[in-house]
Amino acid sequence: MQEQRQSEFEALLQSHEGIVFKVANTYCWNPDERADLVQEIAAQLWRAWPKYDPSRTFSTWMYRIALNVAISFVRKEVRHRQVAVPLDETLHDTAATTGSDPAGLRQRLQTFIERQPPLDRALLLLYLEDKSQREIADILGITPTNVSTKINRLKQKIRAEV
């Protein structure tokens, strides 16, 4: 039975591994730290696996754990160093770019996201992943109304800054 549960977990983790890498890339730009964060997320997912409720979507459960681990990781690293994490946009961008980018809009948006507090970064990541407000609320543990309010405030900040 344990081997079956482990195989099920490994298959789900592999089919949704993009979530882990997106979260890690959003919160860590240093390759070594990013690798550490990926390992920590995977370990926490495995520890939480016995409590996973199959009636809920796996990706929502996974995002919630991955984001909580990433936020804790960043907070611990910031407290440990008491300096900002250096930004290296070439490591942060995992998507292939096509077409032109007028006036560096993509870069300015990426820089804006990197400057946001961890919870807002998570919110923007999920919003840009086209998650519904309900899904974002479930993942982040806040109300859908709070999601809507935070998204609208972030959009206003983006318009003002980007």
N, C-alpha and C. Protein backbone atom coordinates (compact mmCIF):
# COMPACT_ATOMS: atom_id res chain seq x y z
N MET A 1 0.82 -1.20 0.00
CA MET A 1 0.00 0.00 0.00
C MET A 1 0.86 1.26 0.00
N GLN A 2 1.93 1.27 0.82
CA GLN A 2 2.84 2.42 0.89
C GLN A 2 3.51 2.66 -0.46
N GLU A 3 3.91 1.57 -1.14
CA GLU A 3 4.56 1.72 -2.45
C GLU A 3 3.58 2.31 -3.47
N GLN A 4 2.33 1.89 -3.38
CA GLN A 4 1.31 2.41 -4.30
C GLN A 4 1.11 3.91 -4.07
N ARG A 5 1.03 4.33 -2.80
CA ARG A 5 0.87 5.75 -2.48
C ARG A 5 2.08 6.56 -2.96
N GLN A 6 3.27 5.97 -2.77
CA GLN A 6 4.49 6.66 -3.21
C GLN A 6 4.50 6.79 -4.74
N SER A 7 4.11 5.74 -5.44
CA SER A 7 4.07 5.80 -6.91
C SER A 7 3.05 6.83 -7.39
N GLU A 8 1.90 6.88 -6.72
CA GLU A 8 0.87 7.85 -7.06
C GLU A 8 1.39 9.27 -6.86
N PHE A 9 2.06 9.50 -5.73
CA PHE A 9 2.63 10.81 -5.44
C PHE A 9 3.67 11.19 -6.49
N GLU A 10 4.57 10.28 -6.81
CA GLU A 10 5.62 10.57 -7.78
C GLU A 10 5.03 10.90 -9.15
N ALA A 11 3.99 10.18 -9.55
CA ALA A 11 3.36 10.46 -10.85
C ALA A 11 2.71 11.84 -10.86
N LEU A 12 2.00 12.18 -9.78
CA LEU A 12 1.36 13.49 -9.70
C LEU A 12 2.41 14.61 -9.65
N LEU A 13 3.45 14.39 -8.88
CA LEU A 13 4.52 15.40 -8.78
C LEU A 13 5.16 15.62 -10.14
N GLN A 14 5.42 14.54 -10.84
CA GLN A 14 6.06 14.67 -12.15
C GLN A 14 5.14 15.38 -13.15
N SER A 15 3.85 15.05 -13.12
CA SER A 15 2.93 15.67 -14.08
C SER A 15 2.65 17.14 -13.76
N HIS A 16 2.92 17.56 -12.53
CA HIS A 16 2.70 18.96 -12.12
C HIS A 16 4.00 19.66 -11.72
N GLU A 17 5.14 19.14 -12.14
CA GLU A 17 6.42 19.70 -11.71
C GLU A 17 6.60 21.16 -12.14
N GLY A 18 5.91 21.56 -13.18
CA GLY A 18 6.01 22.95 -13.63
C GLY A 18 5.62 23.93 -12.53
N ILE A 19 4.67 23.54 -11.69
CA ILE A 19 4.25 24.41 -10.59
C ILE A 19 5.43 24.67 -9.65
N VAL A 20 6.14 23.62 -9.31
CA VAL A 20 7.29 23.75 -8.39
C VAL A 20 8.33 24.68 -8.99
N PHE A 21 8.63 24.51 -10.27
CA PHE A 21 9.65 25.33 -10.89
C PHE A 21 9.20 26.78 -11.07
N LYS A 22 7.93 26.99 -11.39
CA LYS A 22 7.43 28.37 -11.49
C LYS A 22 7.55 29.09 -10.16
N VAL A 23 7.14 28.41 -9.10
CA VAL A 23 7.21 29.04 -7.78
C VAL A 23 8.67 29.30 -7.41
N ALA A 24 9.53 28.32 -7.60
CA ALA A 24 10.95 28.49 -7.25
C ALA A 24 11.57 29.62 -8.07
N ASN A 25 11.25 29.70 -9.35
CA ASN A 25 11.80 30.77 -10.19
C ASN A 25 11.26 32.14 -9.81
N THR A 26 10.08 32.18 -9.24
CA THR A 26 9.50 33.46 -8.83
C THR A 26 10.16 33.98 -7.56
N TYR A 27 10.62 33.09 -6.70
CA TYR A 27 11.15 33.51 -5.40
C TYR A 27 12.67 33.43 -5.27
N CYS A 28 13.34 32.74 -6.16
CA CYS A 28 14.81 32.63 -6.07
C CYS A 28 15.44 32.82 -7.43
N TRP A 29 16.45 33.66 -7.48
CA TRP A 29 17.16 33.90 -8.73
C TRP A 29 18.54 33.28 -8.73
N ASN A 30 19.06 32.99 -7.58
CA ASN A 30 20.35 32.32 -7.47
C ASN A 30 20.13 30.82 -7.74
N PRO A 31 20.87 30.23 -8.67
CA PRO A 31 20.62 28.82 -9.03
C PRO A 31 20.75 27.85 -7.85
N ASP A 32 21.70 28.08 -6.96
CA ASP A 32 21.86 27.18 -5.82
C ASP A 32 20.69 27.29 -4.85
N GLU A 33 20.28 28.51 -4.57
CA GLU A 33 19.13 28.72 -3.69
C GLU A 33 17.86 28.17 -4.32
N ARG A 34 17.73 28.35 -5.62
CA ARG A 34 16.56 27.85 -6.33
C ARG A 34 16.50 26.33 -6.24
N ALA A 35 17.63 25.68 -6.41
CA ALA A 35 17.67 24.22 -6.29
C ALA A 35 17.31 23.79 -4.87
N ASP A 36 17.80 24.52 -3.88
CA ASP A 36 17.45 24.22 -2.48
C ASP A 36 15.95 24.38 -2.27
N LEU A 37 15.37 25.43 -2.82
CA LEU A 37 13.94 25.66 -2.66
C LEU A 37 13.13 24.57 -3.34
N VAL A 38 13.52 24.15 -4.52
CA VAL A 38 12.82 23.06 -5.22
C VAL A 38 12.84 21.80 -4.35
N GLN A 39 13.98 21.50 -3.76
CA GLN A 39 14.09 20.32 -2.90
C GLN A 39 13.22 20.46 -1.65
N GLU A 40 13.20 21.65 -1.08
CA GLU A 40 12.39 21.88 0.12
C GLU A 40 10.90 21.76 -0.20
N ILE A 41 10.49 22.29 -1.34
CA ILE A 41 9.08 22.17 -1.74
C ILE A 41 8.72 20.70 -1.93
N ALA A 42 9.57 19.96 -2.63
CA ALA A 42 9.28 18.54 -2.85
C ALA A 42 9.21 17.78 -1.52
N ALA A 43 10.11 18.09 -0.60
CA ALA A 43 10.10 17.42 0.70
C ALA A 43 8.82 17.75 1.48
N GLN A 44 8.41 19.01 1.45
CA GLN A 44 7.20 19.40 2.16
C GLN A 44 5.95 18.78 1.51
N LEU A 45 5.95 18.68 0.21
CA LEU A 45 4.84 18.02 -0.47
C LEU A 45 4.74 16.56 -0.05
N TRP A 46 5.89 15.90 0.03
CA TRP A 46 5.90 14.50 0.45
C TRP A 46 5.41 14.36 1.89
N ARG A 47 5.85 15.25 2.77
CA ARG A 47 5.41 15.19 4.18
C ARG A 47 3.91 15.42 4.30
N ALA A 48 3.37 16.29 3.44
CA ALA A 48 1.95 16.61 3.51
C ALA A 48 1.07 15.62 2.73
N TRP A 49 1.69 14.79 1.92
CA TRP A 49 0.96 13.87 1.05
C TRP A 49 -0.07 13.01 1.79
N PRO A 50 0.24 12.47 2.97
CA PRO A 50 -0.78 11.66 3.66
C PRO A 50 -2.05 12.44 4.00
N LYS A 51 -1.96 13.75 4.08
CA LYS A 51 -3.12 14.58 4.42
C LYS A 51 -3.85 15.10 3.19
N TYR A 52 -3.34 14.79 2.00
CA TYR A 52 -3.98 15.28 0.77
C TYR A 52 -5.38 14.69 0.65
N ASP A 53 -6.33 15.56 0.35
CA ASP A 53 -7.72 15.17 0.17
C ASP A 53 -8.00 15.07 -1.33
N PRO A 54 -8.16 13.85 -1.86
CA PRO A 54 -8.37 13.69 -3.30
C PRO A 54 -9.62 14.36 -3.84
N SER A 55 -10.53 14.81 -2.98
CA SER A 55 -11.71 15.50 -3.48
C SER A 55 -11.36 16.93 -3.92
N ARG A 56 -10.18 17.41 -3.56
CA ARG A 56 -9.71 18.73 -3.99
C ARG A 56 -8.73 18.56 -5.14
N THR A 57 -8.58 19.58 -5.95
CA THR A 57 -7.65 19.46 -7.08
C THR A 57 -6.21 19.42 -6.59
N PHE A 58 -5.44 18.55 -7.19
CA PHE A 58 -4.05 18.37 -6.78
C PHE A 58 -3.25 19.65 -7.00
N SER A 59 -3.48 20.33 -8.13
CA SER A 59 -2.68 21.52 -8.43
C SER A 59 -2.93 22.64 -7.41
N THR A 60 -4.15 22.78 -6.94
CA THR A 60 -4.45 23.80 -5.92
C THR A 60 -3.72 23.46 -4.63
N TRP A 61 -3.78 22.21 -4.22
CA TRP A 61 -3.09 21.75 -3.02
C TRP A 61 -1.58 21.97 -3.16
N MET A 62 -1.06 21.63 -4.33
CA MET A 62 0.37 21.75 -4.58
C MET A 62 0.81 23.22 -4.57
N TYR A 63 0.06 24.08 -5.25
CA TYR A 63 0.39 25.50 -5.24
C TYR A 63 0.42 26.05 -3.82
N ARG A 64 -0.58 25.68 -3.04
CA ARG A 64 -0.66 26.21 -1.68
C ARG A 64 0.58 25.85 -0.88
N ILE A 65 0.98 24.60 -0.93
CA ILE A 65 2.16 24.17 -0.18
C ILE A 65 3.42 24.81 -0.75
N ALA A 66 3.56 24.80 -2.08
CA ALA A 66 4.76 25.36 -2.71
C ALA A 66 4.92 26.84 -2.38
N LEU A 67 3.83 27.58 -2.44
CA LEU A 67 3.92 29.02 -2.15
C LEU A 67 4.22 29.27 -0.67
N ASN A 68 3.61 28.50 0.20
CA ASN A 68 3.90 28.67 1.64
C ASN A 68 5.36 28.35 1.93
N VAL A 69 5.89 27.30 1.32
CA VAL A 69 7.30 26.95 1.53
C VAL A 69 8.19 28.06 0.97
N ALA A 70 7.86 28.56 -0.22
CA ALA A 70 8.68 29.61 -0.84
C ALA A 70 8.67 30.89 -0.01
N ILE A 71 7.52 31.27 0.47
CA ILE A 71 7.42 32.49 1.29
C ILE A 71 8.23 32.32 2.57
N SER A 72 8.11 31.18 3.20
CA SER A 72 8.91 30.92 4.42
C SER A 72 10.40 30.91 4.11
N PHE A 73 10.76 30.32 3.00
CA PHE A 73 12.16 30.24 2.57
C PHE A 73 12.72 31.65 2.38
N VAL A 74 11.97 32.50 1.68
CA VAL A 74 12.44 33.87 1.43
C VAL A 74 12.56 34.63 2.74
N ARG A 75 11.58 34.51 3.60
CA ARG A 75 11.64 35.21 4.88
C ARG A 75 12.84 34.76 5.70
N LYS A 76 13.10 33.47 5.71
CA LYS A 76 14.24 32.94 6.46
C LYS A 76 15.55 33.44 5.85
N GLU A 77 15.64 33.44 4.54
CA GLU A 77 16.85 33.90 3.87
C GLU A 77 17.08 35.40 4.12
N VAL A 78 16.02 36.18 4.05
CA VAL A 78 16.16 37.62 4.27
C VAL A 78 16.60 37.89 5.70
N ARG A 79 15.99 37.18 6.66
CA ARG A 79 16.41 37.36 8.06
C ARG A 79 17.86 36.93 8.25
N HIS A 80 18.23 35.86 7.57
CA HIS A 80 19.59 35.32 7.72
C HIS A 80 20.62 36.29 7.16
N ARG A 81 20.34 36.87 6.03
CA ARG A 81 21.30 37.74 5.36
C ARG A 81 21.12 39.21 5.69
N GLN A 82 19.86 39.62 5.87
CA GLN A 82 19.53 41.03 6.07
C GLN A 82 19.96 41.89 4.89
N VAL A 83 19.94 41.28 3.70
CA VAL A 83 20.19 42.02 2.47
C VAL A 83 19.20 41.53 1.42
N ALA A 84 19.00 42.32 0.39
CA ALA A 84 18.08 41.93 -0.67
C ALA A 84 18.73 40.84 -1.53
N VAL A 85 17.89 39.99 -2.09
CA VAL A 85 18.36 38.97 -3.01
C VAL A 85 18.71 39.66 -4.32
N PRO A 86 19.89 39.38 -4.88
CA PRO A 86 20.23 40.02 -6.15
C PRO A 86 19.28 39.56 -7.24
N LEU A 87 18.90 40.48 -8.10
CA LEU A 87 17.98 40.15 -9.17
C LEU A 87 18.76 39.85 -10.44
N ASP A 88 18.48 38.69 -11.00
CA ASP A 88 19.08 38.31 -12.27
C ASP A 88 17.94 37.87 -13.17
N GLU A 89 17.47 38.78 -13.99
CA GLU A 89 16.28 38.50 -14.77
C GLU A 89 16.46 37.35 -15.76
N THR A 90 17.67 37.05 -16.17
CA THR A 90 17.85 35.94 -17.10
C THR A 90 17.58 34.61 -16.43
N LEU A 91 17.83 34.51 -15.14
CA LEU A 91 17.52 33.27 -14.42
C LEU A 91 16.05 33.19 -14.07
N HIS A 92 15.45 34.34 -13.85
CA HIS A 92 14.05 34.38 -13.43
C HIS A 92 13.10 33.97 -14.55
N ASP A 93 13.42 34.33 -15.78
CA ASP A 93 12.51 34.10 -16.89
C ASP A 93 12.66 32.67 -17.41
N THR A 94 11.61 31.87 -17.25
CA THR A 94 11.66 30.49 -17.72
C THR A 94 10.87 30.31 -19.00
N ALA A 95 10.09 31.29 -19.37
CA ALA A 95 9.26 31.15 -20.57
C ALA A 95 10.04 31.61 -21.79
N ALA A 96 9.81 30.94 -22.89
CA ALA A 96 10.44 31.37 -24.14
C ALA A 96 9.71 32.60 -24.64
N THR A 97 10.47 33.58 -25.07
CA THR A 97 9.84 34.81 -25.54
C THR A 97 9.75 34.78 -27.05
N THR A 98 8.66 35.28 -27.54
CA THR A 98 8.49 35.38 -28.98
C THR A 98 7.98 36.78 -29.28
N GLY A 99 8.33 37.25 -30.44
CA GLY A 99 7.85 38.57 -30.84
C GLY A 99 8.64 39.69 -30.19
N SER A 100 8.15 40.89 -30.40
CA SER A 100 8.85 42.05 -29.86
C SER A 100 8.25 42.46 -28.52
N ASP A 101 8.99 43.25 -27.81
CA ASP A 101 8.55 43.74 -26.51
C ASP A 101 8.69 45.26 -26.52
N PRO A 102 7.63 45.97 -26.90
CA PRO A 102 7.74 47.42 -27.03
C PRO A 102 8.17 48.09 -25.74
N ALA A 103 9.23 48.85 -25.87
CA ALA A 103 9.75 49.69 -24.77
C ALA A 103 10.06 48.90 -23.51
N GLY A 104 10.38 47.63 -23.65
CA GLY A 104 10.79 46.84 -22.48
C GLY A 104 9.68 46.60 -21.47
N LEU A 105 8.43 46.58 -21.92
CA LEU A 105 7.30 46.41 -21.01
C LEU A 105 7.41 45.12 -20.21
N ARG A 106 7.79 44.05 -20.85
CA ARG A 106 7.92 42.77 -20.16
C ARG A 106 8.95 42.86 -19.04
N GLN A 107 10.08 43.49 -19.31
CA GLN A 107 11.14 43.63 -18.30
C GLN A 107 10.67 44.49 -17.14
N ARG A 108 9.97 45.57 -17.45
CA ARG A 108 9.48 46.45 -16.38
C ARG A 108 8.45 45.73 -15.51
N LEU A 109 7.60 44.93 -16.14
CA LEU A 109 6.61 44.16 -15.38
C LEU A 109 7.30 43.13 -14.50
N GLN A 110 8.29 42.46 -15.04
CA GLN A 110 9.05 41.47 -14.27
C GLN A 110 9.74 42.12 -13.08
N THR A 111 10.35 43.25 -13.29
CA THR A 111 11.01 43.98 -12.21
C THR A 111 10.00 44.40 -11.15
N PHE A 112 8.83 44.85 -11.59
CA PHE A 112 7.77 45.22 -10.65
C PHE A 112 7.40 44.02 -9.77
N ILE A 113 7.19 42.88 -10.39
CA ILE A 113 6.80 41.67 -9.64
C ILE A 113 7.89 41.30 -8.64
N GLU A 114 9.14 41.37 -9.04
CA GLU A 114 10.25 41.01 -8.16
C GLU A 114 10.33 41.90 -6.93
N ARG A 115 9.85 43.14 -7.02
CA ARG A 115 9.91 44.08 -5.89
C ARG A 115 8.76 43.90 -4.90
N GLN A 116 7.78 43.11 -5.26
CA GLN A 116 6.60 42.96 -4.41
C GLN A 116 6.88 42.04 -3.23
N PRO A 117 6.13 42.22 -2.14
CA PRO A 117 6.25 41.31 -1.00
C PRO A 117 5.84 39.90 -1.42
N PRO A 118 6.28 38.89 -0.68
CA PRO A 118 6.02 37.50 -1.08
C PRO A 118 4.56 37.16 -1.37
N LEU A 119 3.63 37.62 -0.57
CA LEU A 119 2.22 37.30 -0.80
C LEU A 119 1.72 37.92 -2.10
N ASP A 120 2.10 39.15 -2.37
CA ASP A 120 1.68 39.80 -3.61
C ASP A 120 2.32 39.12 -4.82
N ARG A 121 3.56 38.67 -4.68
CA ARG A 121 4.22 37.93 -5.75
C ARG A 121 3.45 36.65 -6.07
N ALA A 122 3.03 35.96 -5.00
CA ALA A 122 2.26 34.73 -5.18
C ALA A 122 0.94 35.04 -5.87
N LEU A 123 0.30 36.09 -5.46
CA LEU A 123 -0.97 36.49 -6.05
C LEU A 123 -0.80 36.80 -7.54
N LEU A 124 0.23 37.55 -7.88
CA LEU A 124 0.49 37.87 -9.29
C LEU A 124 0.83 36.62 -10.09
N LEU A 125 1.61 35.73 -9.53
CA LEU A 125 1.96 34.48 -10.22
C LEU A 125 0.69 33.71 -10.57
N LEU A 126 -0.19 33.54 -9.60
CA LEU A 126 -1.42 32.79 -9.82
C LEU A 126 -2.35 33.51 -10.79
N TYR A 127 -2.43 34.83 -10.68
CA TYR A 127 -3.27 35.62 -11.59
C TYR A 127 -2.76 35.48 -13.03
N LEU A 128 -1.45 35.56 -13.20
CA LEU A 128 -0.87 35.43 -14.54
C LEU A 128 -0.97 34.00 -15.08
N GLU A 129 -1.20 33.05 -14.19
CA GLU A 129 -1.44 31.66 -14.59
C GLU A 129 -2.90 31.43 -14.95
N ASP A 130 -3.69 32.49 -14.95
CA ASP A 130 -5.12 32.43 -15.27
C ASP A 130 -5.92 31.59 -14.28
N LYS A 131 -5.49 31.59 -13.04
CA LYS A 131 -6.27 30.91 -11.99
C LYS A 131 -7.48 31.79 -11.67
N SER A 132 -8.59 31.15 -11.35
CA SER A 132 -9.79 31.91 -10.97
C SER A 132 -9.58 32.54 -9.60
N GLN A 133 -10.40 33.53 -9.27
CA GLN A 133 -10.30 34.15 -7.95
C GLN A 133 -10.56 33.12 -6.86
N ARG A 134 -11.47 32.20 -7.10
CA ARG A 134 -11.78 31.14 -6.13
C ARG A 134 -10.55 30.25 -5.91
N GLU A 135 -9.87 29.86 -7.02
CA GLU A 135 -8.67 29.04 -6.90
C GLU A 135 -7.56 29.78 -6.15
N ILE A 136 -7.36 31.04 -6.50
CA ILE A 136 -6.33 31.84 -5.84
C ILE A 136 -6.63 31.94 -4.35
N ALA A 137 -7.90 32.18 -4.02
CA ALA A 137 -8.31 32.27 -2.62
C ALA A 137 -8.02 30.96 -1.89
N ASP A 138 -8.36 29.83 -2.52
CA ASP A 138 -8.11 28.52 -1.90
C ASP A 138 -6.62 28.29 -1.68
N ILE A 139 -5.83 28.64 -2.68
CA ILE A 139 -4.39 28.40 -2.60
C ILE A 139 -3.74 29.27 -1.52
N LEU A 140 -4.12 30.55 -1.49
CA LEU A 140 -3.49 31.49 -0.57
C LEU A 140 -4.16 31.56 0.80
N GLY A 141 -5.33 30.95 0.91
CA GLY A 141 -6.01 30.96 2.20
C GLY A 141 -6.62 32.31 2.57
N ILE A 142 -7.06 33.03 1.54
CA ILE A 142 -7.73 34.31 1.76
C ILE A 142 -9.08 34.25 1.07
N THR A 143 -9.92 35.25 1.29
CA THR A 143 -11.24 35.23 0.68
C THR A 143 -11.17 35.68 -0.78
N PRO A 144 -12.14 35.25 -1.60
CA PRO A 144 -12.17 35.73 -2.99
C PRO A 144 -12.30 37.25 -3.07
N THR A 145 -13.01 37.85 -2.15
CA THR A 145 -13.13 39.31 -2.11
C THR A 145 -11.77 39.95 -1.88
N ASN A 146 -11.00 39.36 -0.97
CA ASN A 146 -9.65 39.86 -0.69
C ASN A 146 -8.78 39.71 -1.93
N VAL A 147 -8.92 38.59 -2.63
CA VAL A 147 -8.16 38.38 -3.88
C VAL A 147 -8.49 39.49 -4.86
N SER A 148 -9.78 39.74 -5.06
CA SER A 148 -10.21 40.77 -6.00
C SER A 148 -9.65 42.14 -5.62
N THR A 149 -9.74 42.47 -4.35
CA THR A 149 -9.24 43.76 -3.87
C THR A 149 -7.74 43.88 -4.10
N LYS A 150 -6.99 42.83 -3.72
CA LYS A 150 -5.53 42.87 -3.89
C LYS A 150 -5.13 42.95 -5.36
N ILE A 151 -5.82 42.21 -6.22
CA ILE A 151 -5.52 42.25 -7.65
C ILE A 151 -5.77 43.65 -8.20
N ASN A 152 -6.89 44.25 -7.83
CA ASN A 152 -7.19 45.60 -8.32
C ASN A 152 -6.15 46.61 -7.84
N ARG A 153 -5.72 46.50 -6.59
CA ARG A 153 -4.68 47.40 -6.08
C ARG A 153 -3.35 47.19 -6.80
N LEU A 154 -3.03 45.93 -7.07
CA LEU A 154 -1.79 45.65 -7.79
C LEU A 154 -1.86 46.17 -9.22
N LYS A 155 -3.01 46.05 -9.86
CA LYS A 155 -3.18 46.60 -11.21
C LYS A 155 -2.98 48.12 -11.21
N GLN A 156 -3.50 48.78 -10.18
CA GLN A 156 -3.31 50.23 -10.08
C GLN A 156 -1.84 50.57 -9.90
N LYS A 157 -1.15 49.80 -9.06
CA LYS A 157 0.29 50.03 -8.86
C LYS A 157 1.05 49.80 -10.16
N ILE A 158 0.66 48.75 -10.90
CA ILE A 158 1.34 48.46 -12.17
C ILE A 158 1.14 49.61 -13.14
N ARG A 159 -0.07 50.09 -13.26
CA ARG A 159 -0.34 51.22 -14.17
C ARG A 159 0.48 52.45 -13.79
N ALA A 160 0.62 52.67 -12.50
CA ALA A 160 1.36 53.84 -12.04
C ALA A 160 2.88 53.68 -12.22
N GLU A 161 3.38 52.47 -12.07
CA GLU A 161 4.82 52.26 -12.07
C GLU A 161 5.38 51.73 -13.38
N VAL A 162 4.61 50.94 -14.08
CA VAL A 162 5.13 50.30 -15.29
C VAL A 162 4.68 51.10 -16.48
